[in-house]
Protein backbone atom coordinates (compact mmCIF):
# COMPACT_ATOMS: atom_id res chain seq x y z
CA MET A 1 20.29 -21.77 32.97
CA ASN A 2 19.87 -18.23 34.13
CA LYS A 3 16.34 -16.89 34.04
CA PRO A 4 17.30 -13.69 32.11
CA LEU A 5 19.12 -15.76 29.49
CA VAL A 6 16.02 -17.91 28.93
CA ILE A 7 13.83 -14.82 28.56
CA ILE A 8 16.22 -13.24 26.05
CA LEU A 9 16.40 -16.48 24.07
CA LEU A 10 12.60 -16.78 24.08
CA VAL A 11 12.18 -13.18 22.86
CA ALA A 12 14.73 -13.78 20.07
CA VAL A 13 12.88 -16.91 18.94
CA VAL A 14 9.53 -15.08 18.89
CA ILE A 15 11.01 -12.22 16.87
CA ALA A 16 12.54 -14.67 14.40
CA LEU A 17 9.20 -16.47 13.99
CA PHE A 18 7.31 -13.24 13.30
CA ALA A 19 9.98 -12.04 10.86
CA THR A 20 9.88 -15.34 8.97
CA ARG A 21 6.08 -15.26 8.84
CA GLN A 22 6.11 -11.71 7.44
CA TYR A 23 8.76 -12.59 4.86
CA PHE A 24 6.73 -15.53 3.51
CA HIS A 25 3.52 -13.45 3.55
CA GLN A 26 5.18 -10.77 1.38
CA ARG A 27 6.59 -13.40 -1.00
CA ARG A 28 3.16 -15.02 -1.37
CA GLU A 29 1.47 -11.64 -1.97
CA ASN A 30 4.03 -10.69 -4.64
CA ALA A 31 3.62 -14.07 -6.34
CA ASP A 32 -0.19 -13.70 -6.30
CA ASN A 33 0.07 -10.19 -7.81
CA ASP A 34 2.44 -11.42 -10.54
CA ALA A 35 0.12 -14.32 -11.41
CA SER A 36 -3.07 -12.20 -11.43
CA PRO A 37 -4.46 -10.89 -14.71
CA ARG A 38 -4.60 -7.15 -15.30
CA ARG A 39 -8.06 -5.72 -14.56
CA ASP A 40 -9.47 -2.42 -15.80
CA VAL A 41 -12.26 -1.01 -13.62
CA ARG A 42 -14.29 2.20 -14.01
CA VAL A 43 -13.94 3.98 -10.68
CA GLU A 44 -14.22 7.26 -8.84
CA VAL A 45 -11.51 8.50 -6.50
CA THR A 46 -13.23 8.83 -3.12
CA ALA A 47 -10.28 9.67 -0.88
CA LYS A 48 -6.51 9.80 -0.73
CA ARG A 49 -4.09 10.17 2.14
CA ASP A 50 -0.40 10.37 2.88
CA TRP A 51 1.53 10.04 6.11
CA LEU A 52 5.07 9.91 7.42
CA SER A 53 6.53 6.45 7.54
CA PRO A 54 7.92 5.94 11.06
CA ASN A 55 11.07 4.04 10.15
CA ARG A 56 13.56 5.97 12.28
CA ARG A 57 14.22 6.24 15.97
CA SER A 58 13.59 9.55 17.70
CA ARG A 59 17.29 10.48 17.88
CA GLN A 60 17.65 9.90 14.14
CA ARG A 61 14.59 12.07 13.48
CA GLU A 62 16.35 15.01 15.09
CA GLN A 63 19.31 14.66 12.74
CA ILE A 64 17.60 13.68 9.47
CA PRO A 65 14.81 16.06 8.39
CA VAL A 66 13.81 14.09 5.26
CA GLU A 67 11.34 11.32 6.03
CA ASP A 68 9.74 8.68 3.88
CA ARG A 69 6.06 9.10 3.13
CA LYS A 70 3.43 6.48 2.36
CA TYR A 71 0.63 7.19 -0.10
CA GLU A 72 -2.71 5.45 -0.55
CA ALA A 73 -5.95 6.11 -2.40
CA TYR A 74 -9.48 4.78 -2.15
CA PHE A 75 -11.50 4.03 -5.28
CA LYS A 76 -15.23 3.30 -5.58
CA PRO A 77 -16.24 1.13 -8.58
CA LEU A 78 -18.94 2.87 -10.63
CA ASN A 79 -20.73 -0.40 -11.40
CA GLY A 80 -20.95 -1.35 -7.73
CA GLY A 81 -18.71 -3.50 -5.62
CA ALA A 82 -16.36 -3.15 -2.70
CA MET A 83 -14.16 -0.11 -2.12
CA ILE A 84 -10.61 -0.56 -3.47
CA LYS A 85 -7.68 0.66 -1.34
CA LEU A 86 -4.28 0.80 -3.04
CA ASN A 87 -0.78 1.90 -2.05
CA LEU A 88 0.71 4.31 -4.60
CA GLU A 89 3.96 5.95 -5.55
CA GLN A 90 4.19 9.73 -5.01
CA ARG A 91 3.94 10.54 -8.74
CA ALA A 92 0.68 8.62 -9.16
CA TYR A 93 -0.68 10.01 -5.88
CA ASP A 94 -0.03 13.61 -6.95
CA GLU A 95 -1.90 13.08 -10.24
CA LEU A 96 -5.09 11.97 -8.46
CA ALA A 97 -7.82 14.29 -7.20
CA LYS A 98 -10.84 13.43 -5.11
CA GLY A 99 -13.94 13.03 -7.28
CA GLN A 100 -12.08 12.13 -10.48
CA GLN A 101 -13.56 9.33 -12.53
CA GLY A 102 -11.68 7.08 -14.88
CA ILE A 103 -10.27 3.66 -15.59
CA LEU A 104 -8.19 2.05 -12.84
CA SER A 105 -5.77 -0.67 -13.93
CA VAL A 106 -4.73 -3.12 -11.23
CA LYS A 107 -2.92 -6.44 -11.14
CA GLY A 108 -3.97 -8.27 -8.01
CA SER A 109 -3.56 -5.68 -5.26
CA ARG A 110 -0.88 -3.77 -7.18
CA PHE A 111 -1.64 -0.34 -8.72
CA ILE A 112 -0.73 -0.16 -12.42
CA ALA A 113 -2.31 3.07 -13.76
CA PHE A 114 -5.25 5.44 -13.58
CA ALA A 115 -6.57 7.09 -16.74
CA VAL A 116 -8.84 10.07 -16.12
CA GLN A 117 -12.12 10.06 -18.05
CA ASP A 118 -13.02 13.36 -19.72
CA ALA A 119 -16.44 14.94 -19.18
CA THR A 120 -17.10 14.54 -22.93
CA GLN A 121 -16.60 10.78 -22.69
CA LYS A 122 -19.19 10.24 -19.94
CA GLN A 123 -22.11 8.03 -20.87
């Protein structure tokens, strides 16, 4: 066999293995989220960020001005515990503001809702 052909075949096999691994990881994560109970946690929004999703090649970027954005927010539980980082949709991201307190509803690692707590409801 030619040496370049072996290298190309090896690279294709490695790519296929990584793609298969990622596919099964996403399936397992979705199944875990679906099986998890819904949790409501009192939290404070500590940070939020958005960035362009680099899913196009440079030549396509020149021709297509609209790009996908990714949104995430960081929540700090008020009763202690680890910081919660969640990926959000744009609508939910726009409704959040740093420093807001409220009830965060999550199912596994999936964002469900955030209900802002009024200043009159604070304990």
